[in-house]
Amino acid sequence: MTREQIKEFSLRISQCSRTELVVITDEIIIAYIEEAEKALDSGNREDFLFQLKKARQFLDELCSALDMRIELSFQLMNLYSYVRDCLIKAGVRNTKENLADAIKVIQGLKEAFAEVAKTDHSGKVIENSQKVYAGLTYGPGSKLNEVVL
């Protein structure tokens, strides 16, 4: 994942609700899986395994956040376990074969949580974070600069 992506995700996390945090985590998992595919295409097995490991770490975070007193959590845990199995199989077999299935499941969950996030008015996960304003300005020599305050 590039530094720009990490900065973007960090910024979004500082301003999101709990449900939006799940959506962002799903996006991060997908980004790591896609990076793993690129690493495998370029023949970099070490980076391939690293990217899969990072995807699994974020997946584990989602699993640990589940409230198992809620029936839906069991269904989510089954889906997360399936995705974890896909990632492990891809790493062991050194193939992208199972990664498409993992992305498909996570993408579906991301879309579902995005719909739920529209009705989540619980407030920011990170309290006392500053409001972020972004814009574009022109610098010396008509160079376009992005400004984030």
N, C-alpha and C. Protein backbone atom coordinates (compact mmCIF):
# COMPACT_ATOMS: atom_id res chain seq x y z
N MET A 1 0.85 -1.17 0.00
CA MET A 1 0.00 0.00 0.00
C MET A 1 0.90 1.23 0.00
N THR A 2 0.54 2.21 -0.80
CA THR A 2 1.36 3.41 -0.91
C THR A 2 1.15 4.33 0.29
N ARG A 3 2.11 5.22 0.48
CA ARG A 3 1.98 6.19 1.58
C ARG A 3 0.75 7.06 1.41
N GLU A 4 0.43 7.40 0.17
CA GLU A 4 -0.77 8.21 -0.10
C GLU A 4 -2.03 7.48 0.35
N GLN A 5 -2.11 6.19 0.04
CA GLN A 5 -3.28 5.42 0.46
C GLN A 5 -3.37 5.36 1.98
N ILE A 6 -2.24 5.16 2.63
CA ILE A 6 -2.22 5.09 4.09
C ILE A 6 -2.68 6.42 4.68
N LYS A 7 -2.19 7.53 4.13
CA LYS A 7 -2.60 8.85 4.61
C LYS A 7 -4.10 9.06 4.41
N GLU A 8 -4.60 8.64 3.24
CA GLU A 8 -6.03 8.81 2.96
C GLU A 8 -6.87 7.99 3.93
N PHE A 9 -6.48 6.73 4.14
CA PHE A 9 -7.23 5.89 5.08
C PHE A 9 -7.17 6.46 6.49
N SER A 10 -6.01 6.94 6.89
CA SER A 10 -5.85 7.52 8.23
C SER A 10 -6.75 8.73 8.42
N LEU A 11 -6.80 9.58 7.42
CA LEU A 11 -7.64 10.76 7.47
C LEU A 11 -9.11 10.37 7.58
N ARG A 12 -9.52 9.42 6.77
CA ARG A 12 -10.92 8.97 6.81
C ARG A 12 -11.27 8.34 8.15
N ILE A 13 -10.34 7.58 8.72
CA ILE A 13 -10.59 6.94 10.01
C ILE A 13 -10.77 7.98 11.10
N SER A 14 -10.03 9.06 11.04
CA SER A 14 -10.13 10.09 12.07
C SER A 14 -11.48 10.81 12.05
N GLN A 15 -12.23 10.66 10.97
CA GLN A 15 -13.50 11.38 10.82
C GLN A 15 -14.73 10.47 10.74
N CYS A 16 -14.57 9.16 10.95
CA CYS A 16 -15.66 8.23 10.65
C CYS A 16 -16.41 7.75 11.89
N SER A 17 -17.58 7.17 11.63
CA SER A 17 -18.37 6.52 12.67
C SER A 17 -17.93 5.06 12.77
N ARG A 18 -18.53 4.33 13.72
CA ARG A 18 -18.15 2.91 13.89
C ARG A 18 -18.46 2.09 12.65
N THR A 19 -19.60 2.32 12.05
CA THR A 19 -19.97 1.54 10.86
C THR A 19 -19.09 1.91 9.68
N GLU A 20 -18.78 3.18 9.54
CA GLU A 20 -17.88 3.61 8.48
C GLU A 20 -16.48 3.01 8.67
N LEU A 21 -16.10 2.78 9.92
CA LEU A 21 -14.80 2.16 10.20
C LEU A 21 -14.74 0.74 9.63
N VAL A 22 -15.85 0.02 9.70
CA VAL A 22 -15.91 -1.33 9.11
C VAL A 22 -15.76 -1.23 7.60
N VAL A 23 -16.41 -0.25 6.98
CA VAL A 23 -16.31 -0.05 5.54
C VAL A 23 -14.86 0.24 5.15
N ILE A 24 -14.21 1.12 5.89
CA ILE A 24 -12.82 1.47 5.60
C ILE A 24 -11.91 0.26 5.80
N THR A 25 -12.15 -0.51 6.83
CA THR A 25 -11.36 -1.71 7.07
C THR A 25 -11.52 -2.70 5.92
N ASP A 26 -12.74 -2.84 5.42
CA ASP A 26 -12.96 -3.70 4.25
C ASP A 26 -12.18 -3.19 3.04
N GLU A 27 -12.17 -1.88 2.84
CA GLU A 27 -11.42 -1.30 1.73
C GLU A 27 -9.92 -1.55 1.88
N ILE A 28 -9.43 -1.49 3.12
CA ILE A 28 -8.01 -1.75 3.37
C ILE A 28 -7.68 -3.20 3.05
N ILE A 29 -8.55 -4.12 3.46
CA ILE A 29 -8.33 -5.54 3.17
C ILE A 29 -8.27 -5.76 1.66
N ILE A 30 -9.20 -5.17 0.94
CA ILE A 30 -9.23 -5.32 -0.52
C ILE A 30 -7.95 -4.74 -1.13
N ALA A 31 -7.51 -3.59 -0.62
CA ALA A 31 -6.28 -2.97 -1.15
C ALA A 31 -5.08 -3.88 -0.93
N TYR A 32 -4.98 -4.50 0.22
CA TYR A 32 -3.86 -5.41 0.48
C TYR A 32 -3.94 -6.66 -0.42
N ILE A 33 -5.14 -7.17 -0.63
CA ILE A 33 -5.27 -8.33 -1.51
C ILE A 33 -4.86 -7.97 -2.94
N GLU A 34 -5.29 -6.80 -3.40
CA GLU A 34 -4.91 -6.37 -4.75
C GLU A 34 -3.40 -6.16 -4.86
N GLU A 35 -2.78 -5.64 -3.80
CA GLU A 35 -1.32 -5.49 -3.79
C GLU A 35 -0.65 -6.86 -3.82
N ALA A 36 -1.24 -7.83 -3.15
CA ALA A 36 -0.69 -9.19 -3.16
C ALA A 36 -0.74 -9.77 -4.57
N GLU A 37 -1.84 -9.52 -5.27
CA GLU A 37 -1.95 -9.99 -6.66
C GLU A 37 -0.87 -9.37 -7.54
N LYS A 38 -0.63 -8.07 -7.35
CA LYS A 38 0.41 -7.40 -8.13
C LYS A 38 1.79 -7.97 -7.81
N ALA A 39 2.03 -8.25 -6.55
CA ALA A 39 3.32 -8.80 -6.15
C ALA A 39 3.53 -10.18 -6.77
N LEU A 40 2.48 -10.98 -6.79
CA LEU A 40 2.59 -12.31 -7.39
C LEU A 40 2.84 -12.21 -8.89
N ASP A 41 2.15 -11.27 -9.54
CA ASP A 41 2.35 -11.07 -10.98
C ASP A 41 3.78 -10.68 -11.30
N SER A 42 4.40 -9.92 -10.40
CA SER A 42 5.78 -9.49 -10.65
C SER A 42 6.80 -10.51 -10.14
N GLY A 43 6.32 -11.62 -9.58
CA GLY A 43 7.21 -12.68 -9.12
C GLY A 43 7.83 -12.45 -7.77
N ASN A 44 7.29 -11.52 -6.99
CA ASN A 44 7.83 -11.21 -5.68
C ASN A 44 7.04 -11.97 -4.61
N ARG A 45 7.44 -13.21 -4.34
CA ARG A 45 6.72 -14.06 -3.39
C ARG A 45 6.75 -13.48 -1.98
N GLU A 46 7.88 -12.89 -1.59
CA GLU A 46 8.01 -12.35 -0.25
C GLU A 46 6.99 -11.23 -0.02
N ASP A 47 6.87 -10.32 -0.97
CA ASP A 47 5.89 -9.24 -0.86
C ASP A 47 4.47 -9.79 -0.95
N PHE A 48 4.26 -10.80 -1.78
CA PHE A 48 2.95 -11.45 -1.89
C PHE A 48 2.50 -11.95 -0.53
N LEU A 49 3.37 -12.67 0.16
CA LEU A 49 3.02 -13.21 1.48
C LEU A 49 2.84 -12.10 2.51
N PHE A 50 3.66 -11.04 2.40
CA PHE A 50 3.54 -9.90 3.32
C PHE A 50 2.17 -9.23 3.17
N GLN A 51 1.76 -9.00 1.93
CA GLN A 51 0.47 -8.34 1.67
C GLN A 51 -0.69 -9.21 2.17
N LEU A 52 -0.60 -10.51 1.97
CA LEU A 52 -1.64 -11.41 2.47
C LEU A 52 -1.69 -11.38 4.00
N LYS A 53 -0.52 -11.32 4.62
CA LYS A 53 -0.45 -11.26 6.08
C LYS A 53 -1.13 -9.99 6.59
N LYS A 54 -0.87 -8.86 5.93
CA LYS A 54 -1.49 -7.60 6.34
C LYS A 54 -3.02 -7.67 6.18
N ALA A 55 -3.49 -8.26 5.09
CA ALA A 55 -4.93 -8.42 4.88
C ALA A 55 -5.53 -9.27 6.00
N ARG A 56 -4.84 -10.34 6.38
CA ARG A 56 -5.34 -11.21 7.46
C ARG A 56 -5.37 -10.47 8.79
N GLN A 57 -4.39 -9.60 9.04
CA GLN A 57 -4.37 -8.84 10.28
C GLN A 57 -5.59 -7.94 10.40
N PHE A 58 -5.95 -7.27 9.31
CA PHE A 58 -7.14 -6.42 9.35
C PHE A 58 -8.41 -7.25 9.45
N LEU A 59 -8.42 -8.40 8.81
CA LEU A 59 -9.55 -9.32 8.92
C LEU A 59 -9.70 -9.79 10.37
N ASP A 60 -8.58 -10.08 11.02
CA ASP A 60 -8.62 -10.49 12.43
C ASP A 60 -9.17 -9.39 13.32
N GLU A 61 -8.88 -8.14 12.97
CA GLU A 61 -9.42 -7.01 13.74
C GLU A 61 -10.95 -6.99 13.64
N LEU A 62 -11.46 -7.25 12.44
CA LEU A 62 -12.92 -7.30 12.28
C LEU A 62 -13.51 -8.43 13.11
N CYS A 63 -12.85 -9.57 13.09
CA CYS A 63 -13.33 -10.73 13.87
C CYS A 63 -13.34 -10.42 15.36
N SER A 64 -12.28 -9.79 15.84
CA SER A 64 -12.18 -9.52 17.28
C SER A 64 -13.20 -8.48 17.74
N ALA A 65 -13.71 -7.68 16.83
CA ALA A 65 -14.68 -6.64 17.19
C ALA A 65 -16.11 -7.15 17.21
N LEU A 66 -16.32 -8.38 16.76
CA LEU A 66 -17.68 -8.92 16.72
C LEU A 66 -18.22 -9.15 18.13
N ASP A 67 -19.48 -8.81 18.32
CA ASP A 67 -20.16 -9.07 19.59
C ASP A 67 -20.93 -10.37 19.42
N MET A 68 -20.39 -11.45 19.99
CA MET A 68 -20.96 -12.78 19.76
C MET A 68 -22.28 -12.99 20.49
N ARG A 69 -22.78 -11.98 21.18
CA ARG A 69 -24.12 -12.07 21.77
C ARG A 69 -25.19 -11.78 20.72
N ILE A 70 -24.76 -11.26 19.58
CA ILE A 70 -25.68 -10.92 18.50
C ILE A 70 -25.60 -12.02 17.45
N GLU A 71 -26.76 -12.50 17.02
CA GLU A 71 -26.81 -13.63 16.08
C GLU A 71 -26.10 -13.33 14.77
N LEU A 72 -26.21 -12.13 14.28
CA LEU A 72 -25.56 -11.75 13.01
C LEU A 72 -24.04 -11.92 13.07
N SER A 73 -23.48 -11.77 14.26
CA SER A 73 -22.03 -11.92 14.41
C SER A 73 -21.54 -13.31 14.02
N PHE A 74 -22.35 -14.32 14.27
CA PHE A 74 -21.96 -15.69 13.90
C PHE A 74 -21.88 -15.83 12.38
N GLN A 75 -22.82 -15.21 11.69
CA GLN A 75 -22.79 -15.25 10.22
C GLN A 75 -21.60 -14.48 9.67
N LEU A 76 -21.32 -13.34 10.26
CA LEU A 76 -20.15 -12.56 9.84
C LEU A 76 -18.86 -13.33 10.12
N MET A 77 -18.80 -13.99 11.28
CA MET A 77 -17.60 -14.77 11.61
C MET A 77 -17.39 -15.88 10.59
N ASN A 78 -18.46 -16.52 10.14
CA ASN A 78 -18.33 -17.56 9.11
C ASN A 78 -17.78 -16.99 7.81
N LEU A 79 -18.26 -15.81 7.42
CA LEU A 79 -17.77 -15.18 6.20
C LEU A 79 -16.30 -14.77 6.35
N TYR A 80 -15.95 -14.20 7.50
CA TYR A 80 -14.56 -13.81 7.73
C TYR A 80 -13.65 -15.04 7.74
N SER A 81 -14.14 -16.14 8.31
CA SER A 81 -13.34 -17.37 8.34
C SER A 81 -13.11 -17.90 6.92
N TYR A 82 -14.14 -17.80 6.10
CA TYR A 82 -14.01 -18.23 4.70
C TYR A 82 -12.95 -17.38 3.98
N VAL A 83 -13.00 -16.08 4.20
CA VAL A 83 -12.02 -15.18 3.56
C VAL A 83 -10.62 -15.51 4.06
N ARG A 84 -10.48 -15.73 5.37
CA ARG A 84 -9.17 -16.09 5.92
C ARG A 84 -8.65 -17.37 5.27
N ASP A 85 -9.53 -18.36 5.11
CA ASP A 85 -9.14 -19.62 4.46
C ASP A 85 -8.68 -19.37 3.02
N CYS A 86 -9.38 -18.49 2.31
CA CYS A 86 -8.99 -18.16 0.93
C CYS A 86 -7.60 -17.54 0.90
N LEU A 87 -7.31 -16.64 1.84
CA LEU A 87 -6.01 -15.98 1.89
C LEU A 87 -4.91 -16.98 2.23
N ILE A 88 -5.19 -17.88 3.15
CA ILE A 88 -4.20 -18.89 3.53
C ILE A 88 -3.92 -19.83 2.37
N LYS A 89 -4.98 -20.29 1.69
CA LYS A 89 -4.81 -21.19 0.55
C LYS A 89 -3.99 -20.51 -0.55
N ALA A 90 -4.27 -19.24 -0.81
CA ALA A 90 -3.52 -18.51 -1.84
C ALA A 90 -2.04 -18.44 -1.48
N GLY A 91 -1.74 -18.20 -0.20
CA GLY A 91 -0.36 -18.12 0.23
C GLY A 91 0.36 -19.46 0.15
N VAL A 92 -0.32 -20.52 0.55
CA VAL A 92 0.29 -21.85 0.52
C VAL A 92 0.50 -22.33 -0.91
N ARG A 93 -0.49 -22.09 -1.75
CA ARG A 93 -0.43 -22.57 -3.13
C ARG A 93 0.32 -21.62 -4.06
N ASN A 94 0.63 -20.41 -3.54
CA ASN A 94 1.33 -19.40 -4.35
C ASN A 94 0.56 -19.07 -5.62
N THR A 95 -0.74 -18.82 -5.43
CA THR A 95 -1.62 -18.54 -6.57
C THR A 95 -2.65 -17.48 -6.21
N LYS A 96 -3.18 -16.84 -7.22
CA LYS A 96 -4.24 -15.83 -7.03
C LYS A 96 -5.62 -16.46 -7.06
N GLU A 97 -5.67 -17.75 -7.27
CA GLU A 97 -6.94 -18.46 -7.49
C GLU A 97 -8.02 -18.13 -6.46
N ASN A 98 -7.69 -18.15 -5.19
CA ASN A 98 -8.69 -17.93 -4.15
C ASN A 98 -8.89 -16.46 -3.80
N LEU A 99 -8.04 -15.59 -4.32
CA LEU A 99 -8.13 -14.18 -3.95
C LEU A 99 -9.37 -13.50 -4.52
N ALA A 100 -9.80 -13.92 -5.69
CA ALA A 100 -11.01 -13.32 -6.28
C ALA A 100 -12.23 -13.61 -5.41
N ASP A 101 -12.29 -14.82 -4.84
CA ASP A 101 -13.39 -15.16 -3.95
C ASP A 101 -13.35 -14.31 -2.68
N ALA A 102 -12.15 -14.11 -2.15
CA ALA A 102 -12.01 -13.29 -0.94
C ALA A 102 -12.46 -11.86 -1.20
N ILE A 103 -12.03 -11.30 -2.33
CA ILE A 103 -12.43 -9.93 -2.66
C ILE A 103 -13.94 -9.84 -2.85
N LYS A 104 -14.52 -10.83 -3.49
CA LYS A 104 -15.97 -10.83 -3.73
C LYS A 104 -16.75 -10.79 -2.42
N VAL A 105 -16.33 -11.58 -1.44
CA VAL A 105 -17.03 -11.61 -0.15
C VAL A 105 -16.84 -10.28 0.58
N ILE A 106 -15.61 -9.79 0.64
CA ILE A 106 -15.35 -8.54 1.36
C ILE A 106 -16.04 -7.37 0.66
N GLN A 107 -16.06 -7.37 -0.65
CA GLN A 107 -16.74 -6.30 -1.40
C GLN A 107 -18.23 -6.29 -1.08
N GLY A 108 -18.84 -7.46 -1.02
CA GLY A 108 -20.26 -7.55 -0.68
C GLY A 108 -20.53 -7.03 0.72
N LEU A 109 -19.67 -7.39 1.66
CA LEU A 109 -19.84 -6.90 3.03
C LEU A 109 -19.62 -5.39 3.11
N LYS A 110 -18.66 -4.90 2.36
CA LYS A 110 -18.38 -3.46 2.34
C LYS A 110 -19.60 -2.68 1.85
N GLU A 111 -20.22 -3.18 0.79
CA GLU A 111 -21.40 -2.51 0.25
C GLU A 111 -22.55 -2.55 1.26
N ALA A 112 -22.72 -3.68 1.93
CA ALA A 112 -23.79 -3.79 2.93
C ALA A 112 -23.55 -2.83 4.10
N PHE A 113 -22.33 -2.79 4.60
CA PHE A 113 -22.02 -1.88 5.71
C PHE A 113 -22.09 -0.42 5.27
N ALA A 114 -21.80 -0.13 4.01
CA ALA A 114 -21.91 1.25 3.52
C ALA A 114 -23.37 1.71 3.57
N GLU A 115 -24.28 0.80 3.27
CA GLU A 115 -25.71 1.14 3.35
C GLU A 115 -26.11 1.40 4.80
N VAL A 116 -25.63 0.55 5.71
CA VAL A 116 -25.94 0.72 7.13
C VAL A 116 -25.32 2.02 7.65
N ALA A 117 -24.14 2.35 7.16
CA ALA A 117 -23.44 3.56 7.62
C ALA A 117 -24.24 4.82 7.34
N LYS A 118 -25.07 4.78 6.31
CA LYS A 118 -25.89 5.96 5.98
C LYS A 118 -26.86 6.30 7.10
N THR A 119 -27.22 5.32 7.90
CA THR A 119 -28.17 5.54 8.99
C THR A 119 -27.49 5.60 10.36
N ASP A 120 -26.18 5.46 10.40
CA ASP A 120 -25.43 5.47 11.65
C ASP A 120 -25.12 6.91 12.03
N HIS A 121 -25.72 7.36 13.12
CA HIS A 121 -25.50 8.73 13.59
C HIS A 121 -24.83 8.71 14.97
N SER A 122 -24.02 7.70 15.21
CA SER A 122 -23.40 7.51 16.52
C SER A 122 -22.24 8.46 16.78
N GLY A 123 -21.78 9.15 15.77
CA GLY A 123 -20.67 10.08 15.94
C GLY A 123 -19.35 9.44 15.60
N LYS A 124 -18.29 10.23 15.74
CA LYS A 124 -16.95 9.79 15.37
C LYS A 124 -16.43 8.72 16.31
N VAL A 125 -15.65 7.81 15.77
CA VAL A 125 -14.98 6.80 16.58
C VAL A 125 -13.90 7.46 17.43
N ILE A 126 -13.16 8.37 16.82
CA ILE A 126 -12.10 9.09 17.52
C ILE A 126 -12.67 10.42 17.97
N GLU A 127 -12.94 10.50 19.26
CA GLU A 127 -13.50 11.73 19.80
C GLU A 127 -12.42 12.80 19.89
N ASN A 128 -12.82 14.03 19.87
CA ASN A 128 -11.93 15.18 19.97
C ASN A 128 -10.94 15.28 18.80
N SER A 129 -11.25 14.62 17.69
CA SER A 129 -10.41 14.81 16.50
C SER A 129 -10.84 16.10 15.83
N GLN A 130 -9.92 16.74 15.19
CA GLN A 130 -10.22 18.00 14.55
C GLN A 130 -10.92 17.77 13.23
N LYS A 131 -11.77 18.71 12.88
CA LYS A 131 -12.42 18.67 11.59
C LYS A 131 -11.37 18.94 10.52
N VAL A 132 -11.45 18.18 9.43
CA VAL A 132 -10.45 18.30 8.38
C VAL A 132 -11.07 19.05 7.21
N TYR A 133 -10.35 20.06 6.75
CA TYR A 133 -10.76 20.82 5.58
C TYR A 133 -9.68 20.63 4.52
N ALA A 134 -10.09 20.38 3.32
CA ALA A 134 -9.12 20.19 2.25
C ALA A 134 -9.49 21.07 1.07
N GLY A 135 -8.48 21.49 0.34
CA GLY A 135 -8.73 22.31 -0.83
C GLY A 135 -7.49 22.39 -1.68
N LEU A 136 -7.62 23.06 -2.77
CA LEU A 136 -6.51 23.22 -3.69
C LEU A 136 -6.15 24.69 -3.77
N THR A 137 -4.86 24.96 -3.80
CA THR A 137 -4.38 26.33 -3.96
C THR A 137 -3.31 26.34 -5.04
N TYR A 138 -3.04 27.51 -5.55
CA TYR A 138 -1.98 27.66 -6.52
C TYR A 138 -0.73 28.17 -5.81
N GLY A 139 0.38 27.51 -6.09
CA GLY A 139 1.66 27.90 -5.51
C GLY A 139 2.45 28.71 -6.51
N PRO A 140 3.71 29.00 -6.16
CA PRO A 140 4.58 29.76 -7.06
C PRO A 140 4.72 29.06 -8.40
N GLY A 141 4.68 29.82 -9.46
CA GLY A 141 4.83 29.26 -10.80
C GLY A 141 3.59 28.51 -11.26
N SER A 142 2.43 28.87 -10.73
CA SER A 142 1.15 28.25 -11.09
C SER A 142 1.11 26.74 -10.81
N LYS A 143 1.86 26.32 -9.79
CA LYS A 143 1.85 24.92 -9.36
C LYS A 143 0.63 24.71 -8.45
N LEU A 144 -0.12 23.63 -8.71
CA LEU A 144 -1.32 23.34 -7.94
C LEU A 144 -0.93 22.56 -6.69
N ASN A 145 -1.33 23.05 -5.53
CA ASN A 145 -1.00 22.42 -4.26
C ASN A 145 -2.28 21.99 -3.54
N GLU A 146 -2.21 20.83 -2.88
CA GLU A 146 -3.33 20.38 -2.05
C GLU A 146 -3.05 20.82 -0.63
N VAL A 147 -4.07 21.38 0.03
CA VAL A 147 -3.91 21.85 1.39
C VAL A 147 -4.92 21.12 2.27
N VAL A 148 -4.41 20.52 3.35
CA VAL A 148 -5.28 19.85 4.31
C VAL A 148 -5.03 20.48 5.66
N LEU A 149 -6.07 21.01 6.28
CA LEU A 149 -5.96 21.64 7.60
C LEU A 149 -6.72 20.83 8.62
